[in-house]
Amino acid sequence: MKELSPRAKIFWQWSIILAFSALAWAVVYALGILQPKSEVRRVQFRAEASGGVVIVTLRAGDVVIAEPLTTNSPWSKTVSLPRGTEVYLTAANPTQTGFVLCEIKLDNAPWKSARTTAPKDGAACAGIVP
C-alpha cells in the first residue's frame, strides 16, 4: 500500500473535520438549540377546593383579581404573559374542610403548585415567568 503524501494527509484531515462540523451543525439545527426563545409564555392558573366552592385572588401582569372572587371549584384562567412577569395566585376553601389546591402551568407543563388540608384554608403559588 502506498503511503499518502503530506499534502493528501492534510486534505483528508480537513475533510474529516469539515464533515464532523457539518454533522454537528445539522444536529444542533434539528434540535432547535439555536432558535430564539419565545418572549411570550402561555400561563394557566388553576384553583380547586373540596366543597365545590373556591375563593381566588390573582396577580399576573395586567390580569388582576384583587378582591377575593368566590366561584365554582375547580376554577381556571389561561393568559399569555411575557417572560419576567411576576405571578401570584391564592386559593382558599370557605368550608374550611377537606383540601385546597393552587397550580400554575407554563405552556401546559407543571410549574408551581401548593396543596393543603383543613384546618388550614389557603394555598398560594407564585413565581416570575422564566
C-alpha atoms as a PDB file:
ATOM      1  CA  MET A   1       0.000   0.000   0.000  1.00  0.00           C
ATOM      2  CA  LYS A   2       1.361   3.367  -0.997  1.00  0.00           C
ATOM      3  CA  GLU A   3       1.820   5.980   1.725  1.00  0.00           C
ATOM      4  CA  LEU A   4      -0.052   9.266   1.309  1.00  0.00           C
ATOM      5  CA  SER A   5       1.830  12.440   0.631  1.00  0.00           C
ATOM      6  CA  PRO A   6       1.781  15.137   3.333  1.00  0.00           C
ATOM      7  CA  ARG A   7      -0.497  17.220   1.147  1.00  0.00           C
ATOM      8  CA  ALA A   8      -3.021  14.332   0.807  1.00  0.00           C
ATOM      9  CA  LYS A   9      -2.949  13.727   4.586  1.00  0.00           C
ATOM     10  CA  ILE A  10      -3.816  17.368   5.243  1.00  0.00           C
ATOM     11  CA  PHE A  11      -6.606  17.194   2.671  1.00  0.00           C
ATOM     12  CA  TRP A  12      -8.169  14.132   4.347  1.00  0.00           C
ATOM     13  CA  GLN A  13      -7.780  15.573   7.848  1.00  0.00           C
ATOM     14  CA  TRP A  14      -9.572  18.762   6.838  1.00  0.00           C
ATOM     15  CA  SER A  15     -12.256  16.759   5.005  1.00  0.00           C
ATOM     16  CA  ILE A  16     -12.987  14.756   8.154  1.00  0.00           C
ATOM     17  CA  ILE A  17     -13.050  17.896  10.320  1.00  0.00           C
ATOM     18  CA  LEU A  18     -15.474  19.595   7.917  1.00  0.00           C
ATOM     19  CA  ALA A  19     -17.697  16.503   7.753  1.00  0.00           C
ATOM     20  CA  PHE A  20     -17.919  16.290  11.568  1.00  0.00           C
ATOM     21  CA  SER A  21     -18.573  20.038  11.789  1.00  0.00           C
ATOM     22  CA  ALA A  22     -21.398  19.793   9.265  1.00  0.00           C
ATOM     23  CA  LEU A  23     -22.867  16.848  11.163  1.00  0.00           C
ATOM     24  CA  ALA A  24     -22.679  18.750  14.468  1.00  0.00           C
ATOM     25  CA  TRP A  25     -24.436  21.797  12.971  1.00  0.00           C
ATOM     26  CA  ALA A  26     -27.132  19.545  11.474  1.00  0.00           C
ATOM     27  CA  VAL A  27     -27.811  18.025  14.906  1.00  0.00           C
ATOM     28  CA  VAL A  28     -27.885  21.459  16.598  1.00  0.00           C
ATOM     29  CA  TYR A  29     -30.277  22.775  13.937  1.00  0.00           C
ATOM     30  CA  ALA A  30     -32.548  19.710  14.152  1.00  0.00           C
ATOM     31  CA  LEU A  31     -32.796  20.032  17.944  1.00  0.00           C
ATOM     32  CA  GLY A  32     -33.641  23.740  17.678  1.00  0.00           C
ATOM     33  CA  ILE A  33     -30.951  24.719  20.157  1.00  0.00           C
ATOM     34  CA  LEU A  34     -30.095  27.971  18.382  1.00  0.00           C
ATOM     35  CA  GLN A  35     -33.678  29.100  17.752  1.00  0.00           C
ATOM     36  CA  PRO A  36     -34.654  32.184  19.764  1.00  0.00           C
ATOM     37  CA  LYS A  37     -36.948  31.541  22.706  1.00  0.00           C
ATOM     38  CA  SER A  38     -40.434  32.951  22.538  1.00  0.00           C
ATOM     39  CA  GLU A  39     -40.807  36.077  24.630  1.00  0.00           C
ATOM     40  CA  VAL A  40     -44.421  35.157  25.499  1.00  0.00           C
ATOM     41  CA  ARG A  41     -45.479  32.145  27.573  1.00  0.00           C
ATOM     42  CA  ARG A  42     -48.905  30.546  27.917  1.00  0.00           C
ATOM     43  CA  VAL A  43     -49.708  30.540  31.633  1.00  0.00           C
ATOM     44  CA  GLN A  44     -52.606  28.550  33.081  1.00  0.00           C
ATOM     45  CA  PHE A  45     -53.831  29.230  36.597  1.00  0.00           C
ATOM     46  CA  ARG A  46     -55.984  26.659  38.415  1.00  0.00           C
ATOM     47  CA  ALA A  47     -57.582  26.590  41.863  1.00  0.00           C
ATOM     48  CA  GLU A  48     -59.647  23.840  43.426  1.00  0.00           C
ATOM     49  CA  ALA A  49     -61.241  23.196  46.804  1.00  0.00           C
ATOM     50  CA  SER A  50     -63.368  20.438  48.255  1.00  0.00           C
ATOM     51  CA  GLY A  51     -66.947  21.502  48.837  1.00  0.00           C
ATOM     52  CA  GLY A  52     -67.480  22.833  45.305  1.00  0.00           C
ATOM     53  CA  VAL A  53     -66.511  26.463  46.002  1.00  0.00           C
ATOM     54  CA  VAL A  54     -63.119  28.182  45.940  1.00  0.00           C
ATOM     55  CA  ILE A  55     -62.027  31.746  46.749  1.00  0.00           C
ATOM     56  CA  VAL A  56     -59.379  33.096  44.354  1.00  0.00           C
ATOM     57  CA  THR A  57     -57.067  36.111  44.068  1.00  0.00           C
ATOM     58  CA  LEU A  58     -54.691  36.574  41.142  1.00  0.00           C
ATOM     59  CA  ARG A  59     -51.950  38.999  40.067  1.00  0.00           C
ATOM     60  CA  ALA A  60     -50.346  38.347  36.692  1.00  0.00           C
ATOM     61  CA  GLY A  61     -49.250  41.453  34.820  1.00  0.00           C
ATOM     62  CA  ASP A  62     -52.380  43.303  33.700  1.00  0.00           C
ATOM     63  CA  VAL A  63     -54.626  40.442  34.851  1.00  0.00           C
ATOM     64  CA  VAL A  64     -55.646  41.188  38.413  1.00  0.00           C
ATOM     65  CA  ILE A  65     -58.324  39.753  40.690  1.00  0.00           C
ATOM     66  CA  ALA A  66     -57.537  41.882  43.749  1.00  0.00           C
ATOM     67  CA  GLU A  67     -60.793  41.382  45.603  1.00  0.00           C
ATOM     68  CA  PRO A  68     -61.309  37.729  46.576  1.00  0.00           C
ATOM     69  CA  LEU A  69     -63.521  36.037  43.976  1.00  0.00           C
ATOM     70  CA  THR A  70     -65.820  33.265  45.219  1.00  0.00           C
ATOM     71  CA  THR A  71     -66.522  30.866  42.354  1.00  0.00           C
ATOM     72  CA  ASN A  72     -67.255  27.248  41.499  1.00  0.00           C
ATOM     73  CA  SER A  73     -64.456  24.756  42.007  1.00  0.00           C
ATOM     74  CA  PRO A  74     -62.368  23.962  40.028  1.00  0.00           C
ATOM     75  CA  TRP A  75     -61.565  27.429  38.636  1.00  0.00           C
ATOM     76  CA  SER A  76     -59.055  28.141  35.872  1.00  0.00           C
ATOM     77  CA  LYS A  77     -57.796  31.007  33.734  1.00  0.00           C
ATOM     78  CA  THR A  78     -55.286  30.950  30.874  1.00  0.00           C
ATOM     79  CA  VAL A  79     -53.355  34.037  29.719  1.00  0.00           C
ATOM     80  CA  SER A  80     -50.316  34.861  27.599  1.00  0.00           C
ATOM     81  CA  LEU A  81     -47.620  36.674  29.566  1.00  0.00           C
ATOM     82  CA  PRO A  82     -44.159  37.962  28.663  1.00  0.00           C
ATOM     83  CA  ARG A  83     -41.104  36.460  30.313  1.00  0.00           C
ATOM     84  CA  GLY A  84     -40.203  38.235  33.536  1.00  0.00           C
ATOM     85  CA  THR A  85     -43.819  38.818  34.635  1.00  0.00           C
ATOM     86  CA  GLU A  86     -44.458  38.242  38.337  1.00  0.00           C
ATOM     87  CA  VAL A  87     -47.454  35.997  39.012  1.00  0.00           C
ATOM     88  CA  TYR A  88     -49.252  35.272  42.262  1.00  0.00           C
ATOM     89  CA  LEU A  89     -52.290  33.022  42.803  1.00  0.00           C
ATOM     90  CA  THR A  90     -54.064  32.295  46.063  1.00  0.00           C
ATOM     91  CA  ALA A  91     -56.842  29.795  46.666  1.00  0.00           C
ATOM     92  CA  ALA A  92     -58.935  29.420  49.795  1.00  0.00           C
ATOM     93  CA  ASN A  93     -61.566  26.936  50.912  1.00  0.00           C
ATOM     94  CA  PRO A  94     -64.526  28.733  52.504  1.00  0.00           C
ATOM     95  CA  THR A  95     -65.835  25.494  54.031  1.00  0.00           C
ATOM     96  CA  GLN A  96     -62.528  25.041  55.908  1.00  0.00           C
ATOM     97  CA  THR A  97     -62.847  21.284  55.448  1.00  0.00           C
ATOM     98  CA  GLY A  98     -61.086  18.921  53.063  1.00  0.00           C
ATOM     99  CA  PHE A  99     -58.428  20.392  50.773  1.00  0.00           C
ATOM    100  CA  VAL A 100     -57.478  23.461  48.763  1.00  0.00           C
ATOM    101  CA  LEU A 101     -55.118  23.459  45.771  1.00  0.00           C
ATOM    102  CA  CYS A 102     -53.467  26.028  43.511  1.00  0.00           C
ATOM    103  CA  GLU A 103     -51.487  25.251  40.348  1.00  0.00           C
ATOM    104  CA  ILE A 104     -49.675  27.260  37.688  1.00  0.00           C
ATOM    105  CA  LYS A 105     -48.648  25.677  34.381  1.00  0.00           C
ATOM    106  CA  LEU A 106     -46.297  27.123  31.741  1.00  0.00           C
ATOM    107  CA  ASP A 107     -47.005  26.081  28.163  1.00  0.00           C
ATOM    108  CA  ASN A 108     -49.053  23.113  29.513  1.00  0.00           C
ATOM    109  CA  ALA A 109     -46.193  21.890  31.732  1.00  0.00           C
ATOM    110  CA  PRO A 110     -46.476  21.921  35.559  1.00  0.00           C
ATOM    111  CA  TRP A 111     -44.532  24.809  37.112  1.00  0.00           C
ATOM    112  CA  LYS A 112     -45.821  25.763  40.588  1.00  0.00           C
ATOM    113  CA  SER A 113     -48.311  24.078  42.898  1.00  0.00           C
ATOM    114  CA  ALA A 114     -49.398  24.039  46.518  1.00  0.00           C
ATOM    115  CA  ARG A 115     -51.950  21.914  48.347  1.00  0.00           C
ATOM    116  CA  THR A 116     -53.090  21.970  51.922  1.00  0.00           C
ATOM    117  CA  THR A 117     -55.807  20.386  54.034  1.00  0.00           C
ATOM    118  CA  ALA A 118     -58.022  21.592  56.872  1.00  0.00           C
ATOM    119  CA  PRO A 119     -57.692  23.243  59.301  1.00  0.00           C
ATOM    120  CA  LYS A 120     -55.514  25.385  57.012  1.00  0.00           C
ATOM    121  CA  ASP A 121     -57.812  27.003  54.484  1.00  0.00           C
ATOM    122  CA  GLY A 122     -55.463  28.588  51.918  1.00  0.00           C
ATOM    123  CA  ALA A 123     -52.733  27.823  49.407  1.00  0.00           C
ATOM    124  CA  ALA A 124     -50.520  30.176  47.368  1.00  0.00           C
ATOM    125  CA  CYS A 125     -48.437  29.773  44.211  1.00  0.00           C
ATOM    126  CA  ALA A 126     -46.064  32.468  42.933  1.00  0.00           C
ATOM    127  CA  GLY A 127     -43.098  32.999  40.663  1.00  0.00           C
ATOM    128  CA  ILE A 128     -41.511  35.003  37.873  1.00  0.00           C
ATOM    129  CA  VAL A 129     -42.304  33.685  34.370  1.00  0.00           C
ATOM    130  CA  PRO A 130     -39.000  32.316  33.019  1.00  0.00           C
END
